[in-house]
């Protein structure tokens, strides 16, 4: 896969291009699994929001296999892996003063997560 350049973005956005790929990659997680988000701080591109790093969540859904943007953006290949919808309580993210009734769902790649022990 070629490295995405600025002049390519408009054409891809207009066609609704997807980074979903048809590769046989075994999922690491299933719905209901408890996970811990890795606290990584790469110097380059990442789709991992800072406010979920080091936080605990629960996998709600497996969206399938997609190109891993962190490697693709740096010309290091597709590194296909599963993307999951992960539910976090807002108290986990923002502390005890946050609502005890609300949750936030974030889509995360395999490489961003570890099983919660």
PDB file of N, CA and C in Angstrom:
ATOM      1  N   UNK A   1       0.842  -1.184   0.000  1.00  0.00           N
ATOM      2  CA  UNK A   1       0.000   0.000   0.000  1.00  0.00           C
ATOM      3  C   UNK A   1       0.881   1.238   0.000  1.00  0.00           C
ATOM      4  N   UNK A   2       0.528   2.204  -0.829  1.00  0.00           N
ATOM      5  CA  UNK A   2       1.283   3.449  -0.901  1.00  0.00           C
ATOM      6  C   UNK A   2       1.003   4.317   0.320  1.00  0.00           C
ATOM      7  N   UNK A   3       1.952   5.150   0.642  1.00  0.00           N
ATOM      8  CA  UNK A   3       1.772   6.101   1.737  1.00  0.00           C
ATOM      9  C   UNK A   3       0.749   7.135   1.296  1.00  0.00           C
ATOM     10  N   UNK A   4      -0.188   7.471   2.167  1.00  0.00           N
ATOM     11  CA  UNK A   4      -1.222   8.452   1.867  1.00  0.00           C
ATOM     12  C   UNK A   4      -0.612   9.844   1.882  1.00  0.00           C
ATOM     13  N   UNK A   5      -0.795  10.566   0.799  1.00  0.00           N
ATOM     14  CA  UNK A   5      -0.301  11.932   0.708  1.00  0.00           C
ATOM     15  C   UNK A   5      -1.476  12.895   0.730  1.00  0.00           C
ATOM     16  N   UNK A   6      -1.197  14.160   1.002  1.00  0.00           N
ATOM     17  CA  UNK A   6      -2.251  15.170   1.118  1.00  0.00           C
ATOM     18  C   UNK A   6      -3.101  15.260  -0.144  1.00  0.00           C
ATOM     19  N   UNK A   7      -2.499  15.138  -1.317  1.00  0.00           N
ATOM     20  CA  UNK A   7      -3.256  15.257  -2.565  1.00  0.00           C
ATOM     21  C   UNK A   7      -4.184  14.067  -2.816  1.00  0.00           C
ATOM     22  N   UNK A   8      -4.030  12.989  -2.074  1.00  0.00           N
ATOM     23  CA  UNK A   8      -4.878  11.808  -2.233  1.00  0.00           C
ATOM     24  C   UNK A   8      -6.139  11.871  -1.376  1.00  0.00           C
ATOM     25  N   UNK A   9      -6.159  12.690  -0.353  1.00  0.00           N
ATOM     26  CA  UNK A   9      -7.230  12.690   0.637  1.00  0.00           C
ATOM     27  C   UNK A   9      -8.589  13.031   0.040  1.00  0.00           C
ATOM     28  N   UNK A  10      -8.686  14.088  -0.736  1.00  0.00           N
ATOM     29  CA  UNK A  10      -9.980  14.508  -1.291  1.00  0.00           C
ATOM     30  C   UNK A  10     -10.629  13.397  -2.122  1.00  0.00           C
ATOM     31  N   UNK A  11      -9.852  12.738  -2.959  1.00  0.00           N
ATOM     32  CA  UNK A  11     -10.386  11.655  -3.786  1.00  0.00           C
ATOM     33  C   UNK A  11     -10.867  10.480  -2.955  1.00  0.00           C
ATOM     34  N   UNK A  12     -10.115  10.113  -1.936  1.00  0.00           N
ATOM     35  CA  UNK A  12     -10.520   9.003  -1.074  1.00  0.00           C
ATOM     36  C   UNK A  12     -11.774   9.349  -0.284  1.00  0.00           C
ATOM     37  N   UNK A  13     -11.840  10.564   0.233  1.00  0.00           N
ATOM     38  CA  UNK A  13     -13.012  10.976   1.004  1.00  0.00           C
ATOM     39  C   UNK A  13     -14.256  11.009   0.116  1.00  0.00           C
ATOM     40  N   UNK A  14     -14.108  11.460  -1.117  1.00  0.00           N
ATOM     41  CA  UNK A  14     -15.244  11.552  -2.036  1.00  0.00           C
ATOM     42  C   UNK A  14     -15.796  10.183  -2.412  1.00  0.00           C
ATOM     43  N   UNK A  15     -14.957   9.159  -2.447  1.00  0.00           N
ATOM     44  CA  UNK A  15     -15.415   7.830  -2.832  1.00  0.00           C
ATOM     45  C   UNK A  15     -15.869   6.998  -1.641  1.00  0.00           C
ATOM     46  N   UNK A  16     -15.685   7.520  -0.441  1.00  0.00           N
ATOM     47  CA  UNK A  16     -16.069   6.762   0.744  1.00  0.00           C
ATOM     48  C   UNK A  16     -15.174   5.570   0.979  1.00  0.00           C
ATOM     49  N   UNK A  17     -13.921   5.684   0.588  1.00  0.00           N
ATOM     50  CA  UNK A  17     -12.971   4.576   0.721  1.00  0.00           C
ATOM     51  C   UNK A  17     -12.918   4.075   2.160  1.00  0.00           C
ATOM     52  N   UNK A  18     -12.786   2.780   2.301  1.00  0.00           N
ATOM     53  CA  UNK A  18     -12.726   2.154   3.615  1.00  0.00           C
ATOM     54  C   UNK A  18     -11.372   1.481   3.792  1.00  0.00           C
ATOM     55  N   UNK A  19     -10.927   1.413   5.012  1.00  0.00           N
ATOM     56  CA  UNK A  19      -9.682   0.706   5.330  1.00  0.00           C
ATOM     57  C   UNK A  19      -9.950  -0.715   5.800  1.00  0.00           C
ATOM     58  N   UNK A  20     -11.200  -1.181   5.630  1.00  0.00           N
ATOM     59  CA  UNK A  20     -11.533  -2.573   5.941  1.00  0.00           C
ATOM     60  C   UNK A  20     -10.837  -3.467   4.925  1.00  0.00           C
ATOM     61  N   UNK A  21     -10.277  -4.578   5.400  1.00  0.00           N
ATOM     62  CA  UNK A  21      -9.596  -5.512   4.514  1.00  0.00           C
ATOM     63  C   UNK A  21     -10.120  -6.919   4.744  1.00  0.00           C
ATOM     64  N   UNK A  22      -9.996  -7.734   3.714  1.00  0.00           N
ATOM     65  CA  UNK A  22     -10.482  -9.110   3.781  1.00  0.00           C
ATOM     66  C   UNK A  22      -9.297 -10.045   4.044  1.00  0.00           C
ATOM     67  N   UNK A  23      -8.796 -10.006   5.283  1.00  0.00           N
ATOM     68  CA  UNK A  23      -7.691 -10.864   5.693  1.00  0.00           C
ATOM     69  C   UNK A  23      -8.162 -11.761   6.837  1.00  0.00           C
ATOM     70  N   UNK A  24      -7.683 -12.982   6.855  1.00  0.00           N
ATOM     71  CA  UNK A  24      -8.030 -13.915   7.927  1.00  0.00           C
ATOM     72  C   UNK A  24      -7.114 -13.639   9.119  1.00  0.00           C
ATOM     73  N   UNK A  25      -7.587 -12.797  10.012  1.00  0.00           N
ATOM     74  CA  UNK A  25      -6.842 -12.450  11.221  1.00  0.00           C
ATOM     75  C   UNK A  25      -7.696 -12.860  12.413  1.00  0.00           C
ATOM     76  N   UNK A  26      -7.138 -13.653  13.298  1.00  0.00           N
ATOM     77  CA  UNK A  26      -7.890 -14.102  14.479  1.00  0.00           C
ATOM     78  C   UNK A  26      -8.097 -12.931  15.439  1.00  0.00           C
ATOM     79  N   UNK A  27      -9.304 -12.784  15.955  1.00  0.00           N
ATOM     80  CA  UNK A  27      -9.546 -11.720  16.935  1.00  0.00           C
ATOM     81  C   UNK A  27      -8.873 -12.043  18.272  1.00  0.00           C
ATOM     82  N   UNK A  28      -8.376 -11.035  18.945  1.00  0.00           N
ATOM     83  CA  UNK A  28      -7.786 -11.224  20.274  1.00  0.00           C
ATOM     84  C   UNK A  28      -8.850 -11.108  21.363  1.00  0.00           C
ATOM     85  N   UNK A  29      -9.971 -10.449  21.053  1.00  0.00           N
ATOM     86  CA  UNK A  29     -10.986 -10.166  22.056  1.00  0.00           C
ATOM     87  C   UNK A  29     -12.373 -10.502  21.523  1.00  0.00           C
ATOM     88  N   UNK A  30     -13.303 -10.696  22.453  1.00  0.00           N
ATOM     89  CA  UNK A  30     -14.706 -10.952  22.130  1.00  0.00           C
ATOM     90  C   UNK A  30     -15.568 -10.003  22.953  1.00  0.00           C
ATOM     91  N   UNK A  31     -16.814  -9.845  22.535  1.00  0.00           N
ATOM     92  CA  UNK A  31     -17.748  -9.013  23.291  1.00  0.00           C
ATOM     93  C   UNK A  31     -17.799  -9.503  24.734  1.00  0.00           C
ATOM     94  N   UNK A  32     -17.714  -8.562  25.661  1.00  0.00           N
ATOM     95  CA  UNK A  32     -17.745  -8.879  27.085  1.00  0.00           C
ATOM     96  C   UNK A  32     -16.374  -8.955  27.730  1.00  0.00           C
ATOM     97  N   UNK A  33     -15.307  -9.040  26.917  1.00  0.00           N
ATOM     98  CA  UNK A  33     -13.954  -9.091  27.476  1.00  0.00           C
ATOM     99  C   UNK A  33     -13.587  -7.761  28.130  1.00  0.00           C
ATOM    100  N   UNK A  34     -12.940  -7.850  29.273  1.00  0.00           N
ATOM    101  CA  UNK A  34     -12.434  -6.657  29.953  1.00  0.00           C
ATOM    102  C   UNK A  34     -11.024  -6.387  29.454  1.00  0.00           C
ATOM    103  N   UNK A  35     -10.761  -5.126  29.111  1.00  0.00           N
ATOM    104  CA  UNK A  35      -9.458  -4.770  28.545  1.00  0.00           C
ATOM    105  C   UNK A  35      -8.831  -3.607  29.315  1.00  0.00           C
ATOM    106  N   UNK A  36      -7.531  -3.477  29.137  1.00  0.00           N
ATOM    107  CA  UNK A  36      -6.778  -2.336  29.647  1.00  0.00           C
ATOM    108  C   UNK A  36      -6.104  -1.700  28.442  1.00  0.00           C
ATOM    109  N   UNK A  37      -6.335  -0.410  28.248  1.00  0.00           N
ATOM    110  CA  UNK A  37      -5.726   0.290  27.118  1.00  0.00           C
ATOM    111  C   UNK A  37      -4.254   0.542  27.451  1.00  0.00           C
ATOM    112  N   UNK A  38      -3.412   0.264  26.489  1.00  0.00           N
ATOM    113  CA  UNK A  38      -1.973   0.490  26.679  1.00  0.00           C
ATOM    114  C   UNK A  38      -1.692   1.983  26.818  1.00  0.00           C
ATOM    115  N   UNK A  39      -0.745   2.311  27.656  1.00  0.00           N
ATOM    116  CA  UNK A  39      -0.349   3.708  27.831  1.00  0.00           C
ATOM    117  C   UNK A  39       0.889   3.965  26.973  1.00  0.00           C
ATOM    118  N   UNK A  40       0.630   4.101  25.672  1.00  0.00           N
ATOM    119  CA  UNK A  40       1.724   4.316  24.727  1.00  0.00           C
ATOM    120  C   UNK A  40       1.761   5.790  24.336  1.00  0.00           C
ATOM    121  N   UNK A  41       2.942   6.261  24.001  1.00  0.00           N
ATOM    122  CA  UNK A  41       3.114   7.651  23.594  1.00  0.00           C
ATOM    123  C   UNK A  41       4.051   7.717  22.395  1.00  0.00           C
ATOM    124  N   UNK A  42       3.563   7.263  21.236  1.00  0.00           N
ATOM    125  CA  UNK A  42       4.425   7.254  20.057  1.00  0.00           C
ATOM    126  C   UNK A  42       4.764   8.672  19.597  1.00  0.00           C
ATOM    127  N   UNK A  43       5.891   8.802  18.943  1.00  0.00           N
ATOM    128  CA  UNK A  43       6.285  10.108  18.425  1.00  0.00           C
ATOM    129  C   UNK A  43       5.560  10.449  17.138  1.00  0.00           C
ATOM    130  N   UNK A  44       5.042   9.454  16.440  1.00  0.00           N
ATOM    131  CA  UNK A  44       4.342   9.688  15.180  1.00  0.00           C
ATOM    132  C   UNK A  44       2.841   9.548  15.320  1.00  0.00           C
ATOM    133  N   UNK A  45       2.213   9.215  14.226  1.00  0.00           N
ATOM    134  CA  UNK A  45       0.754   9.106  14.120  1.00  0.00           C
ATOM    135  C   UNK A  45       0.186   8.002  15.021  1.00  0.00           C
ATOM    136  N   UNK A  46      -0.931   8.308  15.664  1.00  0.00           N
ATOM    137  CA  UNK A  46      -1.721   7.297  16.376  1.00  0.00           C
ATOM    138  C   UNK A  46      -3.178   7.745  16.392  1.00  0.00           C
ATOM    139  N   UNK A  47      -4.075   6.773  16.420  1.00  0.00           N
ATOM    140  CA  UNK A  47      -5.503   7.053  16.554  1.00  0.00           C
ATOM    141  C   UNK A  47      -5.969   6.794  17.982  1.00  0.00           C
ATOM    142  N   UNK A  48      -5.043   6.612  18.895  1.00  0.00           N
ATOM    143  CA  UNK A  48      -5.381   6.306  20.282  1.00  0.00           C
ATOM    144  C   UNK A  48      -5.512   7.609  21.084  1.00  0.00           C
ATOM    145  N   UNK A  49      -6.743   7.943  21.501  1.00  0.00           N
ATOM    146  CA  UNK A  49      -6.921   9.173  22.276  1.00  0.00           C
ATOM    147  C   UNK A  49      -6.177   9.109  23.615  1.00  0.00           C
ATOM    148  N   UNK A  50      -5.555  10.208  24.000  1.00  0.00           N
ATOM    149  CA  UNK A  50      -4.800  10.254  25.260  1.00  0.00           C
ATOM    150  C   UNK A  50      -5.687   9.956  26.468  1.00  0.00           C
ATOM    151  N   UNK A  51      -6.938  10.393  26.445  1.00  0.00           N
ATOM    152  CA  UNK A  51      -7.787  10.254  27.625  1.00  0.00           C
ATOM    153  C   UNK A  51      -8.227   8.825  27.914  1.00  0.00           C
ATOM    154  N   UNK A  52      -7.941   7.862  27.012  1.00  0.00           N
ATOM    155  CA  UNK A  52      -8.256   6.459  27.311  1.00  0.00           C
ATOM    156  C   UNK A  52      -7.016   5.634  27.640  1.00  0.00           C
ATOM    157  N   UNK A  53      -5.831   6.206  27.483  1.00  0.00           N
ATOM    158  CA  UNK A  53      -4.593   5.470  27.752  1.00  0.00           C
ATOM    159  C   UNK A  53      -4.503   5.117  29.239  1.00  0.00           C
ATOM    160  N   UNK A  54      -4.258   3.827  29.498  1.00  0.00           N
ATOM    161  CA  UNK A  54      -4.171   3.341  30.867  1.00  0.00           C
ATOM    162  C   UNK A  54      -5.520   3.094  31.525  1.00  0.00           C
ATOM    163  N   UNK A  55      -6.615   3.214  30.775  1.00  0.00           N
ATOM    164  CA  UNK A  55      -7.969   3.051  31.327  1.00  0.00           C
ATOM    165  C   UNK A  55      -8.516   1.657  31.024  1.00  0.00           C
ATOM    166  N   UNK A  56      -9.503   1.255  31.812  1.00  0.00           N
ATOM    167  CA  UNK A  56     -10.143  -0.053  31.686  1.00  0.00           C
ATOM    168  C   UNK A  56     -11.504   0.083  31.020  1.00  0.00           C
ATOM    169  N   UNK A  57     -11.794  -0.864  30.116  1.00  0.00           N
ATOM    170  CA  UNK A  57     -13.065  -0.850  29.419  1.00  0.00           C
ATOM    171  C   UNK A  57     -13.542  -2.260  29.130  1.00  0.00           C
ATOM    172  N   UNK A  58     -14.687  -2.352  28.461  1.00  0.00           N
ATOM    173  CA  UNK A  58     -15.280  -3.644  28.105  1.00  0.00           C
ATOM    174  C   UNK A  58     -15.574  -3.650  26.611  1.00  0.00           C
ATOM    175  N   UNK A  59     -15.120  -4.700  25.931  1.00  0.00           N
ATOM    176  CA  UNK A  59     -15.377  -4.846  24.497  1.00  0.00           C
ATOM    177  C   UNK A  59     -16.868  -5.082  24.301  1.00  0.00           C
ATOM    178  N   UNK A  60     -17.468  -4.263  23.447  1.00  0.00           N
ATOM    179  CA  UNK A  60     -18.892  -4.399  23.152  1.00  0.00           C
ATOM    180  C   UNK A  60     -19.140  -5.065  21.800  1.00  0.00           C
ATOM    181  N   UNK A  61     -18.224  -4.830  20.830  1.00  0.00           N
ATOM    182  CA  UNK A  61     -18.464  -5.322  19.472  1.00  0.00           C
ATOM    183  C   UNK A  61     -17.153  -5.406  18.705  1.00  0.00           C
ATOM    184  N   UNK A  62     -17.053  -6.388  17.838  1.00  0.00           N
ATOM    185  CA  UNK A  62     -15.921  -6.531  16.930  1.00  0.00           C
ATOM    186  C   UNK A  62     -16.385  -6.019  15.564  1.00  0.00           C
ATOM    187  N   UNK A  63     -15.735  -4.983  15.045  1.00  0.00           N
ATOM    188  CA  UNK A  63     -16.113  -4.398  13.754  1.00  0.00           C
ATOM    189  C   UNK A  63     -15.490  -5.125  12.564  1.00  0.00           C
ATOM    190  N   UNK A  64     -14.538  -6.021  12.809  1.00  0.00           N
ATOM    191  CA  UNK A  64     -13.863  -6.710  11.720  1.00  0.00           C
ATOM    192  C   UNK A  64     -12.416  -6.272  11.591  1.00  0.00           C
ATOM    193  N   UNK A  65     -11.805  -6.621  10.469  1.00  0.00           N
ATOM    194  CA  UNK A  65     -10.371  -6.390  10.263  1.00  0.00           C
ATOM    195  C   UNK A  65     -10.155  -5.143   9.407  1.00  0.00           C
ATOM    196  N   UNK A  66      -9.242  -4.302   9.862  1.00  0.00           N
ATOM    197  CA  UNK A  66      -8.921  -3.044   9.184  1.00  0.00           C
ATOM    198  C   UNK A  66      -7.411  -2.847   9.154  1.00  0.00           C
ATOM    199  N   UNK A  67      -6.969  -1.989   8.256  1.00  0.00           N
ATOM    200  CA  UNK A  67      -5.571  -1.578   8.206  1.00  0.00           C
ATOM    201  C   UNK A  67      -5.264  -0.806   9.484  1.00  0.00           C
ATOM    202  N   UNK A  68      -4.127  -1.089  10.079  1.00  0.00           N
ATOM    203  CA  UNK A  68      -3.695  -0.398  11.296  1.00  0.00           C
ATOM    204  C   UNK A  68      -3.096   0.956  10.892  1.00  0.00           C
ATOM    205  N   UNK A  69      -3.755   2.056  11.228  1.00  0.00           N
ATOM    206  CA  UNK A  69      -3.315   3.361  10.727  1.00  0.00           C
ATOM    207  C   UNK A  69      -1.944   3.798  11.226  1.00  0.00           C
ATOM    208  N   UNK A  70      -1.543   3.336  12.402  1.00  0.00           N
ATOM    209  CA  UNK A  70      -0.265   3.769  12.963  1.00  0.00           C
ATOM    210  C   UNK A  70       0.917   3.280  12.126  1.00  0.00           C
ATOM    211  N   UNK A  71       0.812   2.070  11.580  1.00  0.00           N
ATOM    212  CA  UNK A  71       1.897   1.579  10.722  1.00  0.00           C
ATOM    213  C   UNK A  71       1.723   2.065   9.288  1.00  0.00           C
ATOM    214  N   UNK A  72       0.497   2.113   8.815  1.00  0.00           N
ATOM    215  CA  UNK A  72       0.229   2.523   7.444  1.00  0.00           C
ATOM    216  C   UNK A  72       0.651   3.968   7.184  1.00  0.00           C
ATOM    217  N   UNK A  73       0.405   4.849   8.127  1.00  0.00           N
ATOM    218  CA  UNK A  73       0.739   6.264   7.960  1.00  0.00           C
ATOM    219  C   UNK A  73       2.235   6.504   7.823  1.00  0.00           C
ATOM    220  N   UNK A  74       3.040   5.557   8.296  1.00  0.00           N
ATOM    221  CA  UNK A  74       4.495   5.706   8.241  1.00  0.00           C
ATOM    222  C   UNK A  74       5.132   4.802   7.197  1.00  0.00           C
ATOM    223  N   UNK A  75       4.285   4.256   6.284  1.00  0.00           N
ATOM    224  CA  UNK A  75       4.807   3.427   5.209  1.00  0.00           C
ATOM    225  C   UNK A  75       5.362   2.093   5.688  1.00  0.00           C
ATOM    226  N   UNK A  76       4.865   1.598   6.832  1.00  0.00           N
ATOM    227  CA  UNK A  76       5.364   0.347   7.404  1.00  0.00           C
ATOM    228  C   UNK A  76       4.424  -0.822   7.147  1.00  0.00           C
ATOM    229  N   UNK A  77       3.540  -0.683   6.195  1.00  0.00           N
ATOM    230  CA  UNK A  77       2.642  -1.775   5.840  1.00  0.00           C
ATOM    231  C   UNK A  77       1.277  -1.666   6.494  1.00  0.00           C
ATOM    232  N   UNK A  78       0.389  -2.543   6.059  1.00  0.00           N
ATOM    233  CA  UNK A  78      -1.002  -2.512   6.522  1.00  0.00           C
ATOM    234  C   UNK A  78      -1.188  -3.000   7.949  1.00  0.00           C
ATOM    235  N   UNK A  79      -0.444  -4.018   8.353  1.00  0.00           N
ATOM    236  CA  UNK A  79      -0.576  -4.645   9.678  1.00  0.00           C
ATOM    237  C   UNK A  79      -2.058  -4.822  10.055  1.00  0.00           C
ATOM    238  N   UNK A  80      -2.815  -5.598   9.254  1.00  0.00           N
ATOM    239  CA  UNK A  80      -4.256  -5.747   9.490  1.00  0.00           C
ATOM    240  C   UNK A  80      -4.565  -6.340  10.856  1.00  0.00           C
ATOM    241  N   UNK A  81      -5.606  -5.794  11.492  1.00  0.00           N
ATOM    242  CA  UNK A  81      -6.042  -6.289  12.799  1.00  0.00           C
ATOM    243  C   UNK A  81      -7.473  -5.862  13.068  1.00  0.00           C
ATOM    244  N   UNK A  82      -8.057  -6.496  14.069  1.00  0.00           N
ATOM    245  CA  UNK A  82      -9.448  -6.209  14.425  1.00  0.00           C
ATOM    246  C   UNK A  82      -9.576  -4.844  15.093  1.00  0.00           C
ATOM    247  N   UNK A  83     -10.742  -4.257  14.866  1.00  0.00           N
ATOM    248  CA  UNK A  83     -11.120  -3.008  15.529  1.00  0.00           C
ATOM    249  C   UNK A  83     -12.362  -3.317  16.365  1.00  0.00           C
ATOM    250  N   UNK A  84     -12.355  -2.860  17.599  1.00  0.00           N
ATOM    251  CA  UNK A  84     -13.442  -3.150  18.542  1.00  0.00           C
ATOM    252  C   UNK A  84     -14.071  -1.869  19.053  1.00  0.00           C
ATOM    253  N   UNK A  85     -15.363  -1.930  19.299  1.00  0.00           N
ATOM    254  CA  UNK A  85     -16.040  -0.863  20.024  1.00  0.00           C
ATOM    255  C   UNK A  85     -15.892  -1.202  21.507  1.00  0.00           C
ATOM    256  N   UNK A  86     -15.272  -0.296  22.248  1.00  0.00           N
ATOM    257  CA  UNK A  86     -14.999  -0.520  23.671  1.00  0.00           C
ATOM    258  C   UNK A  86     -15.766   0.511  24.488  1.00  0.00           C
ATOM    259  N   UNK A  87     -16.463   0.021  25.519  1.00  0.00           N
ATOM    260  CA  UNK A  87     -17.248   0.902  26.396  1.00  0.00           C
ATOM    261  C   UNK A  87     -16.436   1.254  27.636  1.00  0.00           C
ATOM    262  N   UNK A  88     -16.389   2.550  27.918  1.00  0.00           N
ATOM    263  CA  UNK A  88     -15.748   3.058  29.133  1.00  0.00           C
ATOM    264  C   UNK A  88     -16.792   3.809  29.935  1.00  0.00           C
ATOM    265  N   UNK A  89     -16.809   3.607  31.241  1.00  0.00           N
ATOM    266  CA  UNK A  89     -17.658   4.467  32.055  1.00  0.00           C
ATOM    267  C   UNK A  89     -16.994   5.841  32.084  1.00  0.00           C
ATOM    268  N   UNK A  90     -17.796   6.886  32.152  1.00  0.00           N
ATOM    269  CA  UNK A  90     -17.190   8.215  32.190  1.00  0.00           C
ATOM    270  C   UNK A  90     -16.451   8.438  33.506  1.00  0.00           C
ATOM    271  N   UNK A  91     -16.832   7.705  34.533  1.00  0.00           N
ATOM    272  CA  UNK A  91     -16.081   7.796  35.795  1.00  0.00           C
ATOM    273  C   UNK A  91     -14.680   7.206  35.642  1.00  0.00           C
ATOM    274  N   UNK A  92     -14.549   6.152  34.847  1.00  0.00           N
ATOM    275  CA  UNK A  92     -13.222   5.592  34.587  1.00  0.00           C
ATOM    276  C   UNK A  92     -12.352   6.624  33.875  1.00  0.00           C
ATOM    277  N   UNK A  93     -12.963   7.370  32.980  1.00  0.00           N
ATOM    278  CA  UNK A  93     -12.198   8.340  32.191  1.00  0.00           C
ATOM    279  C   UNK A  93     -11.943   9.652  32.920  1.00  0.00           C
ATOM    280  N   UNK A  94     -12.955  10.155  33.650  1.00  0.00           N
ATOM    281  CA  UNK A  94     -12.846  11.504  34.215  1.00  0.00           C
ATOM    282  C   UNK A  94     -13.054  11.595  35.723  1.00  0.00           C
ATOM    283  N   UNK A  95     -13.112  10.459  36.399  1.00  0.00           N
ATOM    284  CA  UNK A  95     -13.128  10.474  37.856  1.00  0.00           C
ATOM    285  C   UNK A  95     -14.498  10.436  38.499  1.00  0.00           C
ATOM    286  N   UNK A  96     -14.496  10.438  39.828  1.00  0.00           N
ATOM    287  CA  UNK A  96     -15.704  10.246  40.628  1.00  0.00           C
ATOM    288  C   UNK A  96     -16.725  11.367  40.519  1.00  0.00           C
ATOM    289  N   UNK A  97     -16.344  12.531  40.032  1.00  0.00           N
ATOM    290  CA  UNK A  97     -17.320  13.615  39.897  1.00  0.00           C
ATOM    291  C   UNK A  97     -18.130  13.494  38.610  1.00  0.00           C
ATOM    292  N   UNK A  98     -17.738  12.607  37.725  1.00  0.00           N
ATOM    293  CA  UNK A  98     -18.489  12.376  36.479  1.00  0.00           C
ATOM    294  C   UNK A  98     -19.735  11.542  36.780  1.00  0.00           C
ATOM    295  N   UNK A  99     -20.666  11.561  35.872  1.00  0.00           N
ATOM    296  CA  UNK A  99     -21.922  10.819  36.021  1.00  0.00           C
ATOM    297  C   UNK A  99     -21.666   9.328  36.206  1.00  0.00           C
ATOM    298  N   UNK A 100     -22.430   8.703  37.076  1.00  0.00           N
ATOM    299  CA  UNK A 100     -22.299   7.257  37.261  1.00  0.00           C
ATOM    300  C   UNK A 100     -23.224   6.487  36.319  1.00  0.00           C
ATOM    301  N   UNK A 101     -23.940   7.188  35.439  1.00  0.00           N
ATOM    302  CA  UNK A 101     -24.885   6.558  34.519  1.00  0.00           C
ATOM    303  C   UNK A 101     -24.418   6.542  33.072  1.00  0.00           C
ATOM    304  N   UNK A 102     -23.377   7.289  32.761  1.00  0.00           N
ATOM    305  CA  UNK A 102     -22.998   7.472  31.367  1.00  0.00           C
ATOM    306  C   UNK A 102     -21.758   6.663  30.978  1.00  0.00           C
ATOM    307  N   UNK A 103     -21.704   6.342  29.698  1.00  0.00           N
ATOM    308  CA  UNK A 103     -20.559   5.618  29.127  1.00  0.00           C
ATOM    309  C   UNK A 103     -20.164   6.280  27.826  1.00  0.00           C
ATOM    310  N   UNK A 104     -18.930   6.002  27.411  1.00  0.00           N
ATOM    311  CA  UNK A 104     -18.401   6.494  26.142  1.00  0.00           C
ATOM    312  C   UNK A 104     -17.862   5.288  25.383  1.00  0.00           C
ATOM    313  N   UNK A 105     -18.168   5.206  24.101  1.00  0.00           N
ATOM    314  CA  UNK A 105     -17.716   4.100  23.265  1.00  0.00           C
ATOM    315  C   UNK A 105     -16.620   4.617  22.325  1.00  0.00           C
ATOM    316  N   UNK A 106     -15.500   3.915  22.303  1.00  0.00           N
ATOM    317  CA  UNK A 106     -14.363   4.285  21.472  1.00  0.00           C
ATOM    318  C   UNK A 106     -13.980   3.066  20.632  1.00  0.00           C
ATOM    319  N   UNK A 107     -13.698   3.279  19.351  1.00  0.00           N
ATOM    320  CA  UNK A 107     -13.225   2.196  18.493  1.00  0.00           C
ATOM    321  C   UNK A 107     -11.709   2.102  18.613  1.00  0.00           C
ATOM    322  N   UNK A 108     -11.222   0.897  18.961  1.00  0.00           N
ATOM    323  CA  UNK A 108      -9.792   0.689  19.206  1.00  0.00           C
ATOM    324  C   UNK A 108      -9.276  -0.535  18.452  1.00  0.00           C
ATOM    325  N   UNK A 109      -8.054  -0.423  17.950  1.00  0.00           N
ATOM    326  CA  UNK A 109      -7.369  -1.536  17.286  1.00  0.00           C
ATOM    327  C   UNK A 109      -6.760  -2.465  18.331  1.00  0.00           C
ATOM    328  N   UNK A 110      -6.525  -3.733  17.937  1.00  0.00           N
ATOM    329  CA  UNK A 110      -5.895  -4.734  18.801  1.00  0.00           C
ATOM    330  C   UNK A 110      -4.637  -4.205  19.498  1.00  0.00           C
ATOM    331  N   UNK A 111      -3.769  -3.557  18.744  1.00  0.00           N
ATOM    332  CA  UNK A 111      -2.483  -3.120  19.292  1.00  0.00           C
ATOM    333  C   UNK A 111      -2.605  -2.066  20.388  1.00  0.00           C
ATOM    334  N   UNK A 112      -3.775  -1.513  20.582  1.00  0.00           N
ATOM    335  CA  UNK A 112      -3.970  -0.519  21.638  1.00  0.00           C
ATOM    336  C   UNK A 112      -4.388  -1.146  22.968  1.00  0.00           C
ATOM    337  N   UNK A 113      -4.668  -2.465  22.973  1.00  0.00           N
ATOM    338  CA  UNK A 113      -5.294  -3.070  24.147  1.00  0.00           C
ATOM    339  C   UNK A 113      -4.561  -4.312  24.642  1.00  0.00           C
ATOM    340  N   UNK A 114      -4.727  -4.568  25.926  1.00  0.00           N
ATOM    341  CA  UNK A 114      -4.280  -5.807  26.568  1.00  0.00           C
ATOM    342  C   UNK A 114      -5.452  -6.352  27.354  1.00  0.00           C
ATOM    343  N   UNK A 115      -5.475  -7.685  27.581  1.00  0.00           N
ATOM    344  CA  UNK A 115      -6.515  -8.242  28.454  1.00  0.00           C
ATOM    345  C   UNK A 115      -6.356  -7.667  29.864  1.00  0.00           C
ATOM    346  N   UNK A 116      -7.479  -7.388  30.481  1.00  0.00           N
ATOM    347  CA  UNK A 116      -7.445  -6.887  31.867  1.00  0.00           C
ATOM    348  C   UNK A 116      -7.264  -8.069  32.808  1.00  0.00           C
ATOM    349  N   UNK A 117      -6.305  -7.999  33.668  1.00  0.00           N
ATOM    350  CA  UNK A 117      -6.056  -9.078  34.626  1.00  0.00           C
ATOM    351  C   UNK A 117      -6.377  -8.647  36.034  1.00  0.00           C
TER     352      UNK A 117
END
